[in-house]
Amino acid sequence: MKIAYCTPSLYLAGGVERVLTTKMNWLVEHTDMEVYVILTDGAGKAPYYPLDPRVKVVQLGIDFEELWHLSFLKKGLVYLKKQRQYKKALKKALFDIRPDITDTLMRREVNFINDIKDGSKKIGELHVNRKNYRNFEANETNFIKRFFEKYWMNQLLKKVKKLERFIVLSEEDARNWHELDNVHVISNPLPQLYSQRASLDAKKVVACGRYVYQKGFDLLIDAWKLVHAKHPDWQLDVYGKGEREPYQKQVEQLNLTSSLHLNKETTDIESKYAESSIFVLSSRFEGFGMVLIEAMNCGVPCVSFACPCGPSDIIKDGVDGLLVEAGNVEQLAEKICWMMEHEAERKEMGSKALAASERYSLSSIMNKWVELFHLVQGNDGVSPSHR
């Protein structure tokens, strides 16, 4: 079987790039499938994450990134030109490869992928939730914006309905696509299982993610003000990349500098999980929430907003972690304090969190993908051909 993935590039250090690279590497290592990845951007740039040389890279060189540097008026004209170039180049590539399945990561090609009659079955996979598919960072809206978002979504639904399968990351998000009957849920995998385990004795809480509106660190800082008043001997360490200054000002204004530390991203997040006793996710929304699974895989129980989408799929409230009403700062503080004050329950939840995380192992998730590929091909009972 031949699988062709369509995605803009692999040279960026993003979550989609990491997950896709991990999946492609597994497929060429553990099955007899031929794997291709068709790129539009990043010509001449090496993949950020190590890519197995058996994965065949097809670089179309469309360079949509050129649009980043153009004026608004030029962007529209150049985009239309590049989109036509892309459709022609992708059609040629698929007719050359003749894949059995073409997998779009729901970028520009979703507009025309179903029109390319190369014989492959077309599937799509989405790495963000429906509500935030087009609105990644916005914290405001208006009538005109809502109108265009609704129009765009209606057009997208027409395209997605024609796909053989449309894969989303959580059962929660699957319910959001109620207009479709081709939705399939496969979560993101842990690239690797961690070996370090937290003792859960340290008076330390950890959080991680980009310093952006989505991750809700402003809400976490407000919550920590309430936590610190009750438990001044506990520490909160945040790790991530991005603009820390606005959050640092908030920390200083609330006089939390002695207990709340905003750190740069770390190359050894596993150790940070293992040194902590509680992980907190304060996001306003998520594509899935992989950091929860990472922390759980070190035996760390999580306190998380039940934001869209992912945490409610990952955490069983009161069993292997705690869920909090989305955006409720006071409740977030209360549940963090409860976890601090109940050591025995915290350690029991940590043990169950570790066990729960194993269902996201790479082999477990990838076998679901292999089963899906065979299902799409009409080979329901066929097992993957392992080397």
Protein backbone atom coordinates (compact mmCIF):
# COMPACT_ATOMS: atom_id res chain seq x y z
CA MET A 1 0.00 0.00 0.00
CA LYS A 2 1.16 3.54 -0.81
CA ILE A 3 0.25 6.45 1.46
CA ALA A 4 0.79 10.08 0.41
CA TYR A 5 0.55 12.86 3.01
CA CYS A 6 -0.03 16.48 1.94
CA THR A 7 1.27 19.16 4.31
CA PRO A 8 2.97 22.56 3.84
CA SER A 9 6.40 21.77 5.32
CA LEU A 10 8.42 19.77 7.85
CA TYR A 11 11.17 22.25 8.76
CA LEU A 12 9.19 24.05 11.49
CA ALA A 13 9.29 22.91 15.13
CA GLY A 14 5.51 22.56 15.41
CA GLY A 15 3.23 19.98 16.95
CA VAL A 16 1.74 18.89 13.63
CA GLU A 17 5.21 18.46 12.15
CA ARG A 18 6.30 16.35 15.12
CA VAL A 19 3.22 14.11 15.07
CA LEU A 20 3.29 13.60 11.31
CA THR A 21 7.02 12.80 11.28
CA THR A 22 6.54 10.34 14.15
CA LYS A 23 3.70 8.57 12.32
CA MET A 24 5.51 8.34 8.99
CA ASN A 25 8.66 7.00 10.66
CA TRP A 26 6.61 4.30 12.41
CA LEU A 27 4.88 3.23 9.22
CA VAL A 28 8.10 2.69 7.26
CA GLU A 29 9.70 0.97 10.25
CA HIS A 30 6.87 -1.41 11.15
CA THR A 31 4.89 -2.03 7.96
CA ASP A 32 5.54 -2.70 4.28
CA MET A 33 3.77 0.50 3.26
CA GLU A 34 5.44 3.04 0.99
CA VAL A 35 5.13 6.50 2.53
CA TYR A 36 5.34 9.80 0.66
CA VAL A 37 5.05 13.33 1.99
CA ILE A 38 4.22 16.09 -0.49
CA LEU A 39 5.34 19.58 0.56
CA THR A 40 4.67 23.06 -0.81
CA ASP A 41 7.14 25.07 1.28
CA GLY A 42 10.56 24.89 2.90
CA ALA A 43 12.52 23.90 -0.21
CA GLY A 44 16.13 23.23 0.71
CA LYS A 45 15.39 23.13 4.45
CA ALA A 46 15.91 19.93 6.42
CA PRO A 47 13.05 18.49 8.49
CA TYR A 48 13.17 19.78 12.07
CA TYR A 49 12.40 16.34 13.50
CA PRO A 50 14.51 13.39 12.28
CA LEU A 51 12.84 11.79 9.28
CA ASP A 52 13.46 8.17 8.29
CA PRO A 53 15.19 8.17 4.86
CA ARG A 54 12.66 5.58 3.67
CA VAL A 55 10.00 8.29 3.72
CA LYS A 56 9.98 9.76 0.21
CA VAL A 57 9.81 13.56 0.18
CA VAL A 58 8.22 15.31 -2.81
CA GLN A 59 8.92 19.06 -2.76
CA LEU A 60 6.63 21.06 -5.06
CA GLY A 61 8.28 24.42 -4.31
CA ILE A 62 5.08 26.50 -4.43
CA ASP A 63 6.29 28.75 -1.58
CA PHE A 64 3.05 29.99 -0.04
CA GLU A 65 5.26 31.55 2.64
CA GLU A 66 5.97 34.34 0.15
CA LEU A 67 2.50 35.63 1.04
CA TRP A 68 3.72 36.53 4.54
CA HIS A 69 5.71 39.47 3.13
CA LEU A 70 3.14 40.91 0.70
CA SER A 71 0.57 43.68 1.06
CA PHE A 72 -3.07 42.74 1.59
CA LEU A 73 -4.01 43.45 -2.03
CA LYS A 74 -1.07 41.51 -3.46
CA LYS A 75 -1.72 38.59 -1.14
CA GLY A 76 -5.04 37.81 -2.76
CA LEU A 77 -3.72 37.89 -6.30
CA VAL A 78 -0.57 35.91 -5.57
CA TYR A 79 -2.51 33.38 -3.50
CA LEU A 80 -4.88 32.60 -6.36
CA LYS A 81 -1.93 32.15 -8.71
CA LYS A 82 -0.10 29.87 -6.30
CA GLN A 83 -3.23 27.87 -5.60
CA ARG A 84 -3.60 27.13 -9.33
CA GLN A 85 0.09 26.14 -9.47
CA TYR A 86 -0.41 23.89 -6.46
CA LYS A 87 -3.42 22.10 -7.91
CA LYS A 88 -1.55 21.40 -11.16
CA ALA A 89 1.63 20.26 -9.37
CA LEU A 90 -0.20 18.08 -6.84
CA LYS A 91 -2.22 16.43 -9.59
CA LYS A 92 0.98 15.56 -11.44
CA ALA A 93 2.63 14.26 -8.25
CA LEU A 94 -0.31 12.00 -7.37
CA PHE A 95 -0.53 10.61 -10.90
CA ASP A 96 3.23 9.90 -10.75
CA ILE A 97 3.06 8.25 -7.30
CA ARG A 98 -0.32 6.54 -7.74
CA PRO A 99 -0.93 6.23 -3.99
CA ASP A 100 -3.67 4.03 -2.60
CA ILE A 101 -4.57 6.67 -0.01
CA THR A 102 -3.94 10.43 -0.05
CA ASP A 103 -4.10 12.05 3.39
CA THR A 104 -4.61 15.82 3.55
CA LEU A 105 -3.76 17.60 6.79
CA MET A 106 -6.62 19.96 5.97
CA ARG A 107 -4.64 22.77 4.44
CA ARG A 108 -4.97 24.42 1.02
CA GLU A 109 -5.35 21.19 -0.94
CA VAL A 110 -8.64 20.33 0.80
CA ASN A 111 -10.29 22.78 -1.63
CA PHE A 112 -9.56 20.56 -4.65
CA ILE A 113 -8.19 17.21 -3.44
CA ASN A 114 -11.44 15.39 -4.28
CA ASP A 115 -11.25 16.64 -7.87
CA ILE A 116 -7.96 14.85 -8.56
CA LYS A 117 -8.93 11.50 -10.06
CA ASP A 118 -5.66 9.63 -9.57
CA GLY A 119 -7.40 6.57 -8.16
CA SER A 120 -6.45 7.13 -4.52
CA LYS A 121 -8.94 7.25 -1.66
CA LYS A 122 -8.91 10.70 -0.04
CA ILE A 123 -8.93 11.13 3.73
CA GLY A 124 -8.33 14.18 5.91
CA GLU A 125 -6.99 14.63 9.43
CA LEU A 126 -7.52 17.71 11.59
CA HIS A 127 -5.16 18.67 14.42
CA VAL A 128 -7.24 21.46 15.95
CA ASN A 129 -10.85 21.46 17.11
CA ARG A 130 -13.68 22.72 14.91
CA LYS A 131 -14.41 25.89 16.87
CA ASN A 132 -10.84 27.10 16.59
CA TYR A 133 -9.92 25.74 13.16
CA ARG A 134 -9.69 29.19 11.60
CA ASN A 135 -9.47 31.33 14.71
CA PHE A 136 -6.35 30.17 16.51
CA GLU A 137 -5.45 33.17 18.67
CA ALA A 138 -8.33 35.64 18.45
CA ASN A 139 -9.93 36.88 21.65
CA GLU A 140 -12.46 39.14 19.95
CA THR A 141 -14.92 38.90 17.10
CA ASN A 142 -17.40 40.99 15.13
CA PHE A 143 -20.34 40.59 12.76
CA ILE A 144 -18.30 40.64 9.56
CA LYS A 145 -15.82 38.13 10.92
CA ARG A 146 -18.62 35.79 12.04
CA PHE A 147 -20.26 36.06 8.61
CA PHE A 148 -17.10 35.05 6.75
CA GLU A 149 -16.33 32.27 9.24
CA LYS A 150 -19.82 30.82 8.73
CA TYR A 151 -19.52 31.06 4.94
CA TRP A 152 -16.07 29.47 5.00
CA MET A 153 -17.26 26.63 7.24
CA ASN A 154 -20.18 25.86 4.94
CA GLN A 155 -17.80 25.65 1.99
CA LEU A 156 -15.43 23.43 3.98
CA LEU A 157 -18.21 21.03 4.95
CA LYS A 158 -19.04 20.47 1.28
CA LYS A 159 -15.41 19.44 0.66
CA VAL A 160 -15.05 17.28 3.77
CA LYS A 161 -18.28 15.37 3.10
CA LYS A 162 -16.65 13.97 -0.06
CA LEU A 163 -13.66 12.50 1.82
CA GLU A 164 -13.64 8.77 2.53
CA ARG A 165 -12.85 9.49 6.18
CA PHE A 166 -12.37 12.64 8.24
CA ILE A 167 -10.19 12.01 11.30
CA VAL A 168 -10.36 14.20 14.42
CA LEU A 169 -8.47 13.89 17.69
CA SER A 170 -11.23 13.50 20.28
CA GLU A 171 -14.73 12.14 20.76
CA GLU A 172 -15.69 15.59 22.03
CA ASP A 173 -14.71 17.24 18.77
CA ALA A 174 -16.28 14.45 16.70
CA ARG A 175 -19.65 15.46 18.15
CA ASN A 176 -19.08 19.01 16.86
CA TRP A 177 -19.10 17.76 13.24
CA HIS A 178 -22.73 16.65 13.41
CA GLU A 179 -23.32 17.38 9.71
CA LEU A 180 -20.91 14.62 8.68
CA ASP A 181 -21.22 10.84 8.62
CA ASN A 182 -17.56 10.09 7.79
CA VAL A 183 -15.95 11.25 11.06
CA HIS A 184 -13.44 8.90 12.70
CA VAL A 185 -11.53 9.50 15.97
CA ILE A 186 -7.83 8.71 16.35
CA SER A 187 -5.92 10.57 19.04
CA ASN A 188 -2.36 11.78 18.71
CA PRO A 189 0.26 9.33 20.00
CA LEU A 190 2.98 9.81 22.54
CA PRO A 191 6.16 9.79 20.44
CA GLN A 192 7.79 7.72 23.15
CA LEU A 193 6.93 6.42 26.61
CA TYR A 194 8.80 8.18 29.41
CA SER A 195 10.99 6.26 31.86
CA GLN A 196 11.06 8.79 34.72
CA ARG A 197 8.38 8.60 37.39
CA ALA A 198 7.36 11.37 39.78
CA SER A 199 7.37 10.61 43.52
CA LEU A 200 4.68 13.28 43.97
CA ASP A 201 6.31 14.42 47.20
CA ALA A 202 7.72 17.74 45.93
CA LYS A 203 5.73 20.90 46.61
CA LYS A 204 5.90 21.82 42.97
CA VAL A 205 3.31 22.40 40.25
CA VAL A 206 4.25 22.53 36.57
CA ALA A 207 2.64 23.88 33.40
CA CYS A 208 3.96 24.19 29.87
CA GLY A 209 3.01 25.61 26.50
CA ARG A 210 3.50 28.66 24.32
CA TYR A 211 3.06 32.06 25.95
CA VAL A 212 -0.06 32.93 23.95
CA TYR A 213 -3.70 33.75 24.65
CA GLN A 214 -4.81 30.19 23.84
CA LYS A 215 -2.84 28.66 26.72
CA GLY A 216 -4.54 30.83 29.35
CA PHE A 217 -1.48 31.51 31.49
CA ASP A 218 -3.09 34.81 32.52
CA LEU A 219 -5.90 32.73 34.06
CA LEU A 220 -3.40 30.40 35.71
CA ILE A 221 -1.53 33.34 37.25
CA ASP A 222 -4.78 34.72 38.67
CA ALA A 223 -5.60 31.29 40.07
CA TRP A 224 -2.14 30.96 41.57
CA LYS A 225 -2.72 34.17 43.55
CA LEU A 226 -5.51 32.33 45.38
CA VAL A 227 -3.45 29.14 45.72
CA HIS A 228 -0.42 31.00 47.05
CA ALA A 229 -2.52 32.62 49.78
CA LYS A 230 -3.33 29.15 51.18
CA HIS A 231 -0.11 27.29 50.29
CA PRO A 232 2.81 29.77 50.16
CA ASP A 233 5.32 26.91 50.41
CA TRP A 234 4.38 25.50 46.98
CA GLN A 235 6.04 26.56 43.72
CA LEU A 236 4.67 26.87 40.19
CA ASP A 237 7.04 26.52 37.23
CA VAL A 238 5.85 27.34 33.70
CA TYR A 239 7.91 26.33 30.64
CA GLY A 240 7.41 27.54 27.09
CA LYS A 241 8.46 29.70 24.20
CA GLY A 242 7.06 33.04 23.19
CA GLU A 243 6.52 36.48 24.67
CA ARG A 244 6.80 36.15 28.45
CA GLU A 245 6.90 39.87 29.32
CA PRO A 246 3.13 40.52 29.65
CA TYR A 247 2.77 37.50 31.92
CA GLN A 248 5.82 38.48 33.94
CA LYS A 249 4.28 41.90 34.57
CA GLN A 250 1.13 40.19 35.82
CA VAL A 251 3.22 38.03 38.17
CA GLU A 252 4.97 41.09 39.55
CA GLN A 253 1.75 43.07 39.97
CA LEU A 254 0.28 40.22 42.02
CA ASN A 255 3.49 39.87 44.11
CA LEU A 256 4.00 36.25 43.10
CA THR A 257 7.66 36.35 42.04
CA SER A 258 8.75 34.23 45.01
CA SER A 259 6.56 31.26 44.06
CA LEU A 260 5.73 31.54 40.33
CA HIS A 261 8.49 31.23 37.76
CA LEU A 262 8.05 31.78 34.02
CA ASN A 263 10.81 29.84 32.27
CA LYS A 264 11.94 29.45 28.68
CA GLU A 265 11.14 26.17 26.96
CA THR A 266 13.24 23.22 28.04
CA THR A 267 14.74 20.37 26.05
CA ASP A 268 14.12 18.02 28.98
CA ILE A 269 10.45 18.44 29.87
CA GLU A 270 10.34 14.84 31.09
CA SER A 271 12.55 15.73 34.06
CA LYS A 272 10.35 18.72 34.86
CA TYR A 273 7.27 16.52 34.92
CA ALA A 274 9.08 13.99 37.12
CA GLU A 275 10.14 16.70 39.58
CA SER A 276 6.56 17.91 40.09
CA SER A 277 3.50 16.66 41.95
CA ILE A 278 0.74 18.32 39.93
CA PHE A 279 0.41 19.38 36.28
CA VAL A 280 -1.99 22.19 35.36
CA LEU A 281 -3.52 22.92 31.97
CA SER A 282 -5.21 26.34 31.84
CA SER A 283 -5.90 26.53 28.09
CA ARG A 284 -8.92 28.30 26.64
CA PHE A 285 -8.94 25.69 23.88
CA GLU A 286 -6.79 22.84 22.60
CA GLY A 287 -6.42 20.69 19.53
CA PHE A 288 -6.03 17.75 21.89
CA GLY A 289 -3.80 18.47 24.89
CA MET A 290 -0.79 16.20 24.44
CA VAL A 291 1.00 17.77 27.43
CA LEU A 292 -1.61 16.16 29.69
CA ILE A 293 -0.69 12.71 28.42
CA GLU A 294 3.02 13.45 28.73
CA ALA A 295 2.64 14.47 32.37
CA MET A 296 0.39 11.48 33.10
CA ASN A 297 3.01 9.20 31.57
CA CYS A 298 5.39 10.33 34.31
CA GLY A 299 2.74 9.47 36.89
CA VAL A 300 1.70 13.10 37.50
CA PRO A 301 -2.02 13.78 38.09
CA CYS A 302 -3.43 16.75 36.19
CA VAL A 303 -5.80 19.58 37.01
CA SER A 304 -7.23 20.91 33.75
CA PHE A 305 -9.90 23.19 32.40
CA ALA A 306 -12.49 21.10 30.55
CA CYS A 307 -11.86 23.31 27.53
CA PRO A 308 -12.61 22.35 23.94
CA CYS A 309 -11.29 19.89 22.95
CA GLY A 310 -9.34 16.99 24.45
CA PRO A 311 -9.07 17.20 28.26
CA SER A 312 -12.49 15.62 28.81
CA ASP A 313 -11.41 12.68 26.62
CA ILE A 314 -8.06 12.29 28.36
CA ILE A 315 -8.90 12.81 32.04
CA LYS A 316 -11.45 10.77 33.98
CA ASP A 317 -12.52 13.36 36.52
CA GLY A 318 -11.85 12.33 40.11
CA VAL A 319 -10.12 9.11 39.04
CA ASP A 320 -6.83 9.98 37.29
CA GLY A 321 -7.06 13.78 37.49
CA LEU A 322 -9.43 16.69 38.01
CA LEU A 323 -11.46 18.66 35.48
CA VAL A 324 -12.46 22.27 36.02
CA GLU A 325 -15.19 24.32 34.39
CA ALA A 326 -13.55 26.08 31.44
CA GLY A 327 -12.31 29.54 32.39
CA ASN A 328 -13.37 29.29 36.05
CA VAL A 329 -10.33 30.72 37.86
CA GLU A 330 -11.71 30.24 41.38
CA GLN A 331 -12.53 26.59 40.73
CA LEU A 332 -9.11 26.02 39.19
CA ALA A 333 -7.51 27.36 42.37
CA GLU A 334 -9.78 25.22 44.56
CA LYS A 335 -8.94 22.00 42.71
CA ILE A 336 -5.20 22.72 42.72
CA CYS A 337 -5.45 23.26 46.48
CA TRP A 338 -7.44 20.05 46.90
CA MET A 339 -4.75 18.11 45.06
CA MET A 340 -2.08 19.69 47.29
CA GLU A 341 -3.97 18.89 50.49
CA HIS A 342 -4.81 15.24 49.71
CA GLU A 343 -1.49 13.43 49.33
CA ALA A 344 -2.86 9.88 49.36
CA GLU A 345 -5.49 10.66 46.73
CA ARG A 346 -2.91 12.56 44.68
CA LYS A 347 -0.62 9.55 44.58
CA GLU A 348 -3.47 7.18 43.73
CA MET A 349 -4.53 9.47 40.88
CA GLY A 350 -0.92 9.64 39.69
CA SER A 351 -0.75 5.85 39.50
CA LYS A 352 -4.00 5.68 37.55
CA ALA A 353 -2.89 8.55 35.31
CA LEU A 354 0.21 6.56 34.35
CA ALA A 355 -1.90 3.52 33.47
CA ALA A 356 -4.35 5.64 31.47
CA SER A 357 -1.57 7.29 29.46
CA GLU A 358 -0.44 3.97 28.02
CA ARG A 359 -3.48 3.81 25.72
CA TYR A 360 -1.80 6.63 23.78
CA SER A 361 1.38 4.66 23.13
CA LEU A 362 2.75 4.98 19.62
CA SER A 363 2.12 1.36 18.69
CA SER A 364 -1.46 1.46 20.01
CA ILE A 365 -2.36 4.61 18.06
CA MET A 366 -0.53 3.61 14.88
CA ASN A 367 -2.25 0.24 14.75
CA LYS A 368 -5.52 2.19 14.67
CA TRP A 369 -4.21 4.10 11.64
CA VAL A 370 -3.20 0.90 9.88
CA GLU A 371 -6.64 -0.58 10.55
CA LEU A 372 -8.23 2.57 9.13
CA PHE A 373 -6.10 2.44 5.98
CA HIS A 374 -7.19 -1.14 5.34
CA LEU A 375 -10.81 -0.24 6.09
CA VAL A 376 -10.71 2.62 3.59
CA GLN A 377 -9.19 0.25 1.04
CA GLY A 378 -11.95 -2.26 1.68
CA ASN A 379 -9.69 -4.83 3.34
CA ASP A 380 -11.52 -4.95 6.67
CA GLY A 381 -9.91 -8.03 8.10
CA VAL A 382 -6.42 -7.53 6.80
CA SER A 383 -3.66 -7.18 9.38
CA PRO A 384 -0.69 -4.92 8.75
CA SER A 385 2.30 -6.71 7.25
CA HIS A 386 4.93 -6.33 9.96
CA ARG A 387 8.59 -6.75 9.27
